[in-house]
Amino acid sequence: MDLELEGKVAVVTGASKGIGLAVVRTLAAEGMRVVGGALTVDALDGIEGVTALALDLVDPAGSAELVRAAVEQHGQIDVLVNNVGGVKLRLDGFLQVSDDDFEASLRLNFFAALRATRAAVTAMLDRGGGTIVNVASVNSFFHPDGLVIDYGAAKAALLNVAKALSQELGPQGIRINSISPGPVATDLWLGDHGVAATIAAATGSTADAVREQAIAGMPAGRFTTPEEVATLVALLASPRTANVTGSNYVIDGGLIKTM
């Protein structure tokens, strides 16, 4: 299927690894011109059609700088993918999670996307339309977990704002949708300092045992791959889904059992 993305311009945040890198590769393979931003961008070297920009997206000016670079280079922005994010497990309970901890998580997982959205919408309005796709998380709504209480709150805020913006921006030709993955096979979960290893160290278990316990709750019997999330991003970015906005798509291997 032709997703009708050839020649369009995409900006991807958190583009250097995991889901972000998979999104960059997928969109570039569809013929898009992609501008990817992250703290380090070596992984983007040599990908045809991709321009990499090393910058701090937590910095209040970072997201706007990335969007501005795309517009200056290509004259437009058609698609924004808000992917940048991260989580720190709160193993010692709520009373040990400070205001600063919540603020840090909101800066990375919410405000970076909010600022990128503001900059992208400004450019999209001039062109009469565009598409925004947020990478959220099932932790934003699925029996919220105290281990990621600040992360879940930040992602919930992202979903709420996306829904509100879909109402305001829809009549102006701008669509905004979200994707909520469950556990994904990236370093965030499976790396040396990822979720599985961190829980294992705290509980005296092993990373493999923690991973298997997580998988046990998924009828599909495995983690989602970054490429599967990226495929969903591409579909939502495509004009083929032009009447889809304000939606949140869950990709979790069947983890969530409710409607």
Protein backbone atom coordinates (compact mmCIF):
# COMPACT_ATOMS: atom_id res chain seq x y z
CA MET A 1 0.00 0.00 0.00
CA ASP A 2 1.24 3.47 -0.89
CA LEU A 3 0.98 5.58 2.26
CA GLU A 4 1.28 8.76 0.18
CA LEU A 5 4.14 10.07 2.29
CA GLU A 6 6.69 10.46 -0.52
CA GLY A 7 8.38 13.88 -0.39
CA LYS A 8 6.69 15.00 2.81
CA VAL A 9 8.68 16.33 5.76
CA ALA A 10 8.69 14.73 9.21
CA VAL A 11 10.27 15.81 12.48
CA VAL A 12 11.00 13.07 15.00
CA THR A 13 12.06 13.73 18.59
CA GLY A 14 14.14 11.22 20.53
CA ALA A 15 15.25 9.90 17.16
CA SER A 16 18.53 8.15 17.96
CA LYS A 17 17.46 4.83 19.47
CA GLY A 18 14.60 2.48 20.24
CA ILE A 19 11.20 3.50 18.94
CA GLY A 20 12.47 6.84 17.65
CA LEU A 21 15.16 5.28 15.48
CA ALA A 22 12.67 2.76 14.11
CA VAL A 23 10.27 5.60 13.28
CA VAL A 24 13.01 7.51 11.45
CA ARG A 25 13.94 4.47 9.37
CA THR A 26 10.32 3.63 8.58
CA LEU A 27 9.37 7.14 7.50
CA ALA A 28 12.55 7.52 5.46
CA ALA A 29 11.79 4.21 3.74
CA GLU A 30 8.40 5.68 2.76
CA GLY A 31 10.23 8.47 0.95
CA MET A 32 9.84 11.15 3.59
CA ARG A 33 12.46 13.77 4.35
CA VAL A 34 13.09 13.30 8.05
CA VAL A 35 14.69 15.65 10.56
CA GLY A 36 15.57 13.77 13.72
CA GLY A 37 16.63 15.29 17.02
CA ALA A 38 18.28 13.78 20.09
CA LEU A 39 21.16 14.37 22.48
CA THR A 40 23.41 12.20 20.33
CA VAL A 41 22.63 11.37 16.72
CA ASP A 42 25.44 9.08 15.52
CA ALA A 43 22.90 6.31 14.88
CA LEU A 44 21.25 8.44 12.20
CA ASP A 45 24.39 8.77 10.10
CA GLY A 46 24.04 7.38 6.60
CA ILE A 47 20.25 6.98 6.55
CA GLU A 48 19.13 8.37 3.21
CA GLY A 49 16.77 11.31 3.44
CA VAL A 50 17.53 11.96 7.12
CA THR A 51 19.01 15.08 8.66
CA ALA A 52 20.18 14.74 12.26
CA LEU A 53 20.36 17.52 14.82
CA ALA A 54 22.06 17.02 18.19
CA LEU A 55 20.24 19.05 20.83
CA ASP A 56 18.67 18.85 24.27
CA LEU A 57 14.91 18.50 23.93
CA VAL A 58 14.43 19.11 27.65
CA ASP A 59 15.80 22.60 27.13
CA PRO A 60 12.83 24.95 26.68
CA ALA A 61 14.26 26.08 23.33
CA GLY A 62 15.21 22.62 22.07
CA SER A 63 11.94 21.46 20.51
CA ALA A 64 11.32 24.76 18.75
CA GLU A 65 14.88 24.73 17.43
CA LEU A 66 14.35 21.28 15.91
CA VAL A 67 11.13 22.31 14.17
CA ARG A 68 12.70 25.55 13.00
CA ALA A 69 15.62 23.64 11.48
CA ALA A 70 13.22 21.44 9.52
CA VAL A 71 11.30 24.42 8.17
CA GLU A 72 14.49 26.26 7.25
CA GLN A 73 15.90 23.26 5.42
CA HIS A 74 12.76 21.96 3.72
CA GLY A 75 10.37 24.90 3.79
CA GLN A 76 7.65 22.98 5.60
CA ILE A 77 6.72 20.39 8.20
CA ASP A 78 3.99 17.88 7.43
CA VAL A 79 4.38 15.42 10.29
CA LEU A 80 5.60 15.73 13.88
CA VAL A 81 6.34 12.59 15.88
CA ASN A 82 6.66 13.34 19.60
CA ASN A 83 8.66 10.34 20.72
CA VAL A 84 11.26 11.61 23.19
CA GLY A 85 10.79 10.25 26.70
CA GLY A 86 12.23 8.21 29.50
CA VAL A 87 11.40 6.65 32.81
CA LYS A 88 13.10 6.20 36.17
CA LEU A 89 11.65 3.55 38.43
CA ARG A 90 10.51 4.79 41.85
CA LEU A 91 11.44 1.77 43.94
CA ASP A 92 11.16 3.44 47.35
CA GLY A 93 7.51 4.49 47.20
CA PHE A 94 5.56 7.69 46.74
CA LEU A 95 6.96 9.55 49.74
CA GLN A 96 10.44 9.34 48.22
CA VAL A 97 9.33 10.87 44.91
CA SER A 98 10.03 14.58 45.20
CA ASP A 99 8.56 17.56 43.41
CA ASP A 100 11.83 17.74 41.49
CA ASP A 101 11.36 14.12 40.34
CA PHE A 102 7.88 14.89 39.04
CA GLU A 103 9.09 18.08 37.41
CA ALA A 104 11.97 16.29 35.66
CA SER A 105 9.62 13.65 34.27
CA LEU A 106 7.14 16.26 33.09
CA ARG A 107 9.90 18.22 31.37
CA LEU A 108 11.06 15.17 29.42
CA ASN A 109 7.81 13.31 28.79
CA PHE A 110 5.32 16.17 28.48
CA PHE A 111 6.80 19.63 28.04
CA ALA A 112 9.23 18.61 25.28
CA ALA A 113 6.25 17.33 23.28
CA LEU A 114 4.09 20.32 24.18
CA ARG A 115 6.73 22.75 22.93
CA ALA A 116 7.39 20.77 19.77
CA THR A 117 3.65 20.67 19.11
CA ARG A 118 3.34 24.42 19.59
CA ALA A 119 6.18 25.07 17.13
CA ALA A 120 4.88 22.54 14.60
CA VAL A 121 1.29 23.80 14.73
CA THR A 122 2.51 27.32 14.02
CA ALA A 123 4.20 26.09 10.85
CA MET A 124 1.35 23.74 9.89
CA LEU A 125 -1.27 26.48 10.11
CA ASP A 126 0.64 28.42 7.47
CA ARG A 127 0.36 25.41 5.14
CA GLY A 128 -3.24 24.61 5.97
CA GLY A 129 -2.70 21.30 7.69
CA GLY A 130 -0.45 18.63 9.11
CA THR A 131 -0.29 15.57 11.33
CA ILE A 132 1.04 15.01 14.85
CA VAL A 133 1.62 11.58 16.39
CA ASN A 134 2.49 11.23 20.08
CA VAL A 135 4.17 8.18 21.54
CA ALA A 136 2.52 7.84 24.95
CA SER A 137 2.29 4.70 27.12
CA VAL A 138 -0.20 2.28 28.60
CA ASN A 139 1.07 3.54 31.96
CA SER A 140 -0.98 6.67 31.38
CA PHE A 141 -4.24 4.83 32.00
CA PHE A 142 -3.80 1.08 32.60
CA HIS A 143 -3.90 0.34 36.36
CA PRO A 144 -1.31 3.12 36.92
CA ASP A 145 1.80 1.74 38.59
CA GLY A 146 3.49 3.46 41.52
CA LEU A 147 6.86 2.38 40.15
CA VAL A 148 6.37 4.87 37.30
CA ILE A 149 3.99 7.30 38.98
CA ASP A 150 5.56 10.47 37.58
CA TYR A 151 6.08 8.97 34.12
CA GLY A 152 2.46 7.82 33.96
CA ALA A 153 1.22 11.24 35.05
CA ALA A 154 3.28 12.95 32.34
CA LYS A 155 2.03 10.60 29.63
CA ALA A 156 -1.56 11.02 30.84
CA ALA A 157 -1.14 14.78 30.45
CA LEU A 158 0.12 14.22 26.91
CA LEU A 159 -2.96 12.15 26.02
CA ASN A 160 -5.30 14.73 27.53
CA VAL A 161 -3.75 17.62 25.64
CA ALA A 162 -3.79 15.66 22.38
CA LYS A 163 -7.50 15.01 22.76
CA ALA A 164 -8.20 18.67 23.47
CA LEU A 165 -6.07 19.84 20.54
CA SER A 166 -7.80 17.45 18.16
CA GLN A 167 -11.02 19.38 18.79
CA GLU A 168 -9.45 22.78 18.26
CA LEU A 169 -7.17 21.97 15.34
CA GLY A 170 -9.32 19.53 13.37
CA PRO A 171 -11.26 22.25 11.57
CA GLN A 172 -7.92 23.76 10.52
CA GLY A 173 -6.69 20.58 8.90
CA ILE A 174 -4.34 19.40 11.65
CA ARG A 175 -4.76 15.89 13.00
CA ILE A 176 -3.29 14.70 16.29
CA ASN A 177 -3.28 11.10 17.49
CA SER A 178 -1.46 9.07 20.11
CA ILE A 179 0.01 5.60 20.39
CA SER A 180 0.27 3.85 23.74
CA PRO A 181 2.70 0.94 23.68
CA GLY A 182 2.99 -1.66 26.38
CA PRO A 183 6.44 -3.11 27.01
CA VAL A 184 8.64 -2.66 23.94
CA ALA A 185 11.87 -4.52 23.19
CA THR A 186 14.18 -1.52 23.64
CA ASP A 187 16.94 -0.59 26.07
CA LEU A 188 14.35 1.19 28.23
CA TRP A 189 13.02 -2.23 29.20
CA LEU A 190 15.77 -4.68 28.32
CA GLY A 191 19.02 -2.71 28.52
CA ASP A 192 21.69 -3.17 31.18
CA HIS A 193 20.07 -0.43 33.25
CA GLY A 194 16.53 -0.91 31.97
CA VAL A 195 13.30 -1.74 33.77
CA ALA A 196 13.91 -5.49 33.93
CA ALA A 197 17.46 -5.18 35.27
CA THR A 198 16.49 -2.50 37.78
CA ILE A 199 13.58 -4.50 39.21
CA ALA A 200 15.74 -7.63 39.31
CA ALA A 201 18.46 -5.87 41.28
CA ALA A 202 15.93 -4.52 43.77
CA THR A 203 14.13 -7.81 44.30
CA GLY A 204 16.95 -10.32 44.12
CA SER A 205 15.56 -11.79 40.93
CA THR A 206 17.04 -11.87 37.43
CA ALA A 207 16.33 -9.67 34.44
CA ASP A 208 15.19 -12.71 32.48
CA ALA A 209 12.72 -13.66 35.23
CA VAL A 210 11.31 -10.12 35.33
CA ARG A 211 10.98 -10.12 31.56
CA GLU A 212 9.19 -13.47 31.58
CA GLN A 213 6.83 -12.23 34.28
CA ALA A 214 5.95 -9.22 32.11
CA ILE A 215 5.41 -11.45 29.08
CA ALA A 216 3.09 -13.72 31.08
CA GLY A 217 0.48 -10.96 31.06
CA MET A 218 0.51 -10.64 27.28
CA PRO A 219 -1.48 -13.17 25.23
CA ALA A 220 0.83 -12.52 22.26
CA GLY A 221 3.64 -13.94 24.40
CA ARG A 222 6.27 -11.34 23.59
CA PHE A 223 7.21 -7.68 23.76
CA THR A 224 6.20 -5.32 20.98
CA THR A 225 9.03 -4.47 18.59
CA PRO A 226 10.06 -0.86 17.87
CA GLU A 227 9.32 -1.51 14.19
CA GLU A 228 5.72 -2.44 14.99
CA VAL A 229 5.23 0.86 16.80
CA ALA A 230 6.90 2.68 13.91
CA THR A 231 4.52 1.04 11.43
CA LEU A 232 1.57 2.38 13.41
CA VAL A 233 3.18 5.84 13.43
CA ALA A 234 3.51 5.73 9.65
CA LEU A 235 -0.13 4.71 9.22
CA LEU A 236 -1.34 7.55 11.43
CA ALA A 237 0.95 9.99 9.63
CA SER A 238 -0.46 8.94 6.27
CA PRO A 239 -3.21 10.75 4.35
CA ARG A 240 -4.75 7.28 4.11
CA THR A 241 -6.02 7.85 7.67
CA ALA A 242 -7.07 11.45 7.03
CA ASN A 243 -10.26 11.25 9.11
CA VAL A 244 -8.57 9.81 12.20
CA THR A 245 -7.90 12.35 14.93
CA GLY A 246 -8.13 12.53 18.71
CA SER A 247 -7.58 8.78 18.99
CA ASN A 248 -5.21 6.70 21.11
CA TYR A 249 -4.04 3.40 19.67
CA VAL A 250 -2.83 0.72 22.08
CA ILE A 251 -0.15 -1.74 20.95
CA ASP A 252 0.56 -4.08 23.84
CA GLY A 253 0.28 -7.73 22.78
CA GLY A 254 -3.11 -7.99 24.46
CA LEU A 255 -1.89 -6.81 27.88
CA ILE A 256 -4.98 -4.69 28.48
CA LYS A 257 -8.08 -6.85 28.83
CA THR A 258 -10.74 -4.13 29.12
CA MET A 259 -12.59 -2.44 26.25
